[in-house]
Amino acid sequence: MFFNRENLEHYQNLADGQAPKFMVIACADSRVCPSNILGFQPGEAFIVRNVANMVPPCESGPSETNAALEFAVNSVKVENILVIGHSRCGGIHALMSMQDEEDPSFIRSWVLVGKNARLNTKAAASSLSFDHQCSHCEKESVNCSLLNLLTYPWIEEKVRAGALSLHGGYYNFVDCTFEKWTLDYDGSNLKESKEVAFRNRSFWS
């Protein structure tokens, strides 16, 4: 949507406030633009972008991502959070390439948020090539971020009450496909069960 006389009224309404129903957490990768992928117009989605589209758990402390989550959920009152992973993600490649020795870089410190996704991938896909492990981890990281969202009490409460839905997505820009799924959560203790189910999985091409 470009600014012109036809959509002037729309922008004037946006000047008075925002009420998007979606919050999107996507990668900072220049090839991944959530509005282009999903067709969002201004005012329809509250968007946060970071390296490898990760959500840190609540206990990790303050970050720009969870500050945005707090604002979007508690003030803007979005009804859906969508975490979008993508093919050939440099952040996931860095995560999967990490060695045990200490590395003081900012990138390493951030992508360690996805350490559980890395461990899960190594356990489930150790026989695959490194590139295929990265592809596996790109989706596994999305699922781990969905679980991390539930560590925020005010998110977990709204999800359990049915006021907020958590979705995962995966954009493959190599073959121009998009896969989406929804977290199926009934309030069970995920720390004890370590199991999570997904529903409404769809694949668009």
Protein backbone atom coordinates (compact mmCIF):
# COMPACT_ATOMS: atom_id res chain seq x y z
CA MET A 1 0.00 0.00 0.00
CA PHE A 2 1.49 3.33 -1.08
CA PHE A 3 0.40 6.70 0.20
CA ASN A 4 -2.14 8.34 -2.09
CA ARG A 5 -5.50 10.09 -1.87
CA GLU A 6 -7.40 6.80 -2.09
CA ASN A 7 -5.93 5.45 1.17
CA LEU A 8 -5.65 8.80 2.95
CA GLU A 9 -8.57 7.91 5.23
CA HIS A 10 -6.88 4.64 6.20
CA TYR A 11 -3.71 6.44 7.28
CA GLN A 12 -5.70 9.07 9.13
CA ASN A 13 -7.38 6.28 11.10
CA LEU A 14 -3.99 4.72 11.86
CA ALA A 15 -2.80 8.07 13.20
CA ASP A 16 -5.37 7.74 15.98
CA GLY A 17 -4.11 4.36 17.16
CA GLN A 18 -3.40 0.75 16.27
CA ALA A 19 -5.38 -2.42 16.85
CA PRO A 20 -3.63 -5.23 14.94
CA LYS A 21 -4.81 -8.77 15.60
CA PHE A 22 -1.42 -10.29 14.74
CA MET A 23 2.04 -10.04 16.19
CA VAL A 24 4.75 -11.49 13.95
CA ILE A 25 8.25 -12.44 15.06
CA ALA A 26 10.44 -12.87 12.00
CA CYS A 27 14.09 -12.93 11.04
CA ALA A 28 16.08 -9.80 10.24
CA ASP A 29 17.24 -11.49 7.01
CA SER A 30 16.75 -9.08 4.09
CA ARG A 31 15.10 -11.85 2.05
CA VAL A 32 12.30 -12.32 4.58
CA CYS A 33 9.69 -9.55 4.71
CA PRO A 34 6.59 -10.66 6.67
CA SER A 35 4.32 -8.05 5.10
CA ASN A 36 5.27 -9.18 1.60
CA ILE A 37 5.01 -12.88 2.44
CA LEU A 38 1.64 -12.67 4.18
CA GLY A 39 0.14 -9.62 2.51
CA PHE A 40 -0.19 -7.49 5.63
CA GLN A 41 -1.14 -3.86 5.14
CA PRO A 42 -0.10 -1.05 7.53
CA GLY A 43 -1.90 -1.45 10.84
CA GLU A 44 -2.60 -5.18 10.45
CA ALA A 45 0.46 -6.68 12.16
CA PHE A 46 2.79 -5.71 15.00
CA ILE A 47 6.14 -6.96 13.70
CA VAL A 48 9.40 -7.72 15.50
CA ARG A 49 12.50 -8.86 13.60
CA ASN A 50 15.67 -10.28 15.11
CA VAL A 51 18.45 -12.68 14.17
CA ALA A 52 16.91 -16.14 13.52
CA ASN A 53 13.41 -15.09 14.67
CA MET A 54 14.02 -16.29 18.24
CA VAL A 55 11.99 -15.79 21.41
CA PRO A 56 14.05 -15.98 24.61
CA PRO A 57 12.42 -17.61 27.66
CA CYS A 58 11.07 -15.29 30.32
CA GLU A 59 13.85 -16.14 32.77
CA SER A 60 16.50 -14.86 30.34
CA GLY A 61 15.72 -11.29 31.34
CA PRO A 62 14.94 -8.16 29.35
CA SER A 63 15.44 -7.94 25.60
CA GLU A 64 13.88 -5.92 22.80
CA THR A 65 11.88 -8.98 21.76
CA ASN A 66 10.19 -9.63 25.08
CA ALA A 67 9.61 -5.90 25.62
CA ALA A 68 7.72 -5.93 22.32
CA LEU A 69 5.84 -9.05 23.40
CA GLU A 70 4.74 -7.36 26.62
CA PHE A 71 3.49 -4.31 24.76
CA ALA A 72 1.77 -6.24 21.96
CA VAL A 73 0.00 -8.71 24.27
CA ASN A 74 -0.86 -6.51 27.25
CA SER A 75 -1.37 -3.08 25.67
CA VAL A 76 -2.23 -3.65 22.00
CA LYS A 77 -3.97 -6.93 22.88
CA VAL A 78 -3.10 -8.91 19.79
CA GLU A 79 -5.02 -12.17 19.37
CA ASN A 80 -2.34 -14.14 17.50
CA ILE A 81 1.44 -14.47 17.70
CA LEU A 82 3.13 -15.94 14.64
CA VAL A 83 6.82 -16.96 14.72
CA ILE A 84 8.20 -17.33 11.20
CA GLY A 85 11.37 -19.29 10.39
CA HIS A 86 12.89 -19.50 6.93
CA SER A 87 15.20 -21.45 4.66
CA ARG A 88 18.98 -20.89 4.61
CA CYS A 89 18.90 -18.90 7.84
CA GLY A 90 22.31 -17.49 8.74
CA GLY A 91 21.45 -17.34 12.44
CA ILE A 92 20.52 -21.02 12.53
CA HIS A 93 23.68 -21.85 10.56
CA ALA A 94 25.68 -20.01 13.25
CA LEU A 95 23.82 -21.91 15.98
CA MET A 96 24.48 -25.29 14.38
CA SER A 97 28.13 -24.38 13.69
CA MET A 98 28.97 -23.42 17.28
CA GLN A 99 31.94 -25.07 18.88
CA ASP A 100 32.25 -25.72 22.60
CA GLU A 101 35.00 -23.19 23.13
CA GLU A 102 33.98 -19.79 24.40
CA ASP A 103 33.17 -17.17 21.79
CA PRO A 104 32.40 -13.66 23.10
CA SER A 105 30.54 -12.51 19.96
CA PHE A 106 27.11 -10.91 20.17
CA ILE A 107 25.81 -13.39 17.60
CA ARG A 108 26.80 -16.42 19.69
CA SER A 109 25.28 -14.90 22.82
CA TRP A 110 21.98 -14.35 21.02
CA VAL A 111 21.63 -17.59 19.04
CA LEU A 112 22.26 -19.56 22.25
CA VAL A 113 18.58 -18.80 22.87
CA GLY A 114 18.04 -21.67 20.42
CA LYS A 115 20.29 -24.17 22.20
CA ASN A 116 17.39 -26.56 22.85
CA ALA A 117 16.52 -26.54 19.16
CA ARG A 118 20.14 -27.41 18.39
CA LEU A 119 20.16 -30.27 20.90
CA ASN A 120 16.85 -31.61 19.58
CA THR A 121 18.15 -31.45 16.03
CA LYS A 122 21.39 -33.23 16.88
CA ALA A 123 19.37 -35.97 18.58
CA ALA A 124 16.81 -36.39 15.80
CA ALA A 125 18.84 -35.68 12.66
CA SER A 126 22.45 -36.62 13.46
CA SER A 127 22.64 -38.94 10.42
CA LEU A 128 21.71 -36.15 8.00
CA SER A 129 24.10 -33.80 6.23
CA PHE A 130 24.93 -30.51 7.92
CA ASP A 131 22.72 -28.56 5.48
CA HIS A 132 19.78 -30.85 6.20
CA GLN A 133 20.40 -30.51 9.94
CA CYS A 134 20.20 -26.74 9.54
CA SER A 135 16.90 -27.08 7.65
CA HIS A 136 15.57 -29.29 10.44
CA CYS A 137 16.71 -26.82 13.08
CA GLU A 138 15.07 -23.89 11.27
CA LYS A 139 11.67 -25.44 12.04
CA GLU A 140 12.67 -26.88 15.41
CA SER A 141 13.76 -23.42 16.52
CA VAL A 142 10.30 -22.06 15.72
CA ASN A 143 8.72 -24.74 17.91
CA CYS A 144 11.13 -24.00 20.75
CA SER A 145 10.23 -20.31 20.49
CA LEU A 146 6.53 -21.19 20.74
CA LEU A 147 7.28 -23.10 23.94
CA ASN A 148 9.36 -20.18 25.22
CA LEU A 149 6.34 -17.91 24.71
CA LEU A 150 4.48 -20.00 27.27
CA THR A 151 7.12 -19.19 29.92
CA TYR A 152 5.65 -15.65 30.09
CA PRO A 153 2.82 -15.89 32.66
CA TRP A 154 0.65 -13.27 30.95
CA ILE A 155 0.98 -15.09 27.61
CA GLU A 156 0.33 -18.54 29.08
CA GLU A 157 -2.75 -17.23 30.88
CA LYS A 158 -4.25 -15.77 27.70
CA VAL A 159 -3.46 -18.88 25.65
CA ARG A 160 -5.06 -21.12 28.27
CA ALA A 161 -8.14 -18.86 28.32
CA GLY A 162 -8.43 -18.98 24.53
CA ALA A 163 -7.79 -15.24 24.14
CA LEU A 164 -4.46 -15.69 22.37
CA SER A 165 -3.26 -18.23 19.79
CA LEU A 166 0.36 -19.15 19.05
CA HIS A 167 1.36 -20.10 15.51
CA GLY A 168 4.53 -21.27 13.81
CA GLY A 169 5.42 -20.63 10.19
CA TYR A 170 8.20 -21.57 7.81
CA TYR A 171 8.99 -19.67 4.62
CA ASN A 172 11.10 -21.48 2.03
CA PHE A 173 12.23 -18.85 -0.44
CA VAL A 174 14.04 -21.48 -2.53
CA ASP A 175 10.77 -23.02 -3.75
CA CYS A 176 8.44 -20.18 -2.67
CA THR A 177 6.35 -22.19 -0.18
CA PHE A 178 4.96 -21.34 3.22
CA GLU A 179 4.00 -23.78 5.96
CA LYS A 180 1.91 -22.83 8.99
CA TRP A 181 0.85 -24.64 12.17
CA THR A 182 -0.82 -23.77 15.49
CA LEU A 183 0.25 -24.72 19.01
CA ASP A 184 -2.30 -26.99 20.67
CA TYR A 185 -2.07 -26.18 24.37
CA ASP A 186 -4.49 -27.18 27.11
CA GLY A 187 -2.66 -25.80 30.14
CA SER A 188 -0.65 -28.96 30.86
CA ASN A 189 2.77 -28.69 32.48
CA LEU A 190 5.15 -28.70 29.51
CA LYS A 191 8.21 -28.75 31.76
CA GLU A 192 7.14 -32.11 33.09
CA SER A 193 5.78 -33.69 29.91
CA LYS A 194 8.16 -32.03 27.42
CA GLU A 195 5.56 -32.83 24.79
CA VAL A 196 3.64 -30.39 22.67
CA ALA A 197 1.08 -30.91 19.94
CA PHE A 198 0.30 -28.85 16.88
CA ARG A 199 -2.87 -28.53 14.83
CA ASN A 200 -4.19 -26.88 11.66
CA ARG A 201 -0.98 -27.53 9.78
CA SER A 202 -1.22 -26.17 6.25
CA PHE A 203 1.16 -25.85 3.32
CA TRP A 204 0.89 -23.11 0.70
CA SER A 205 2.77 -22.88 -2.57
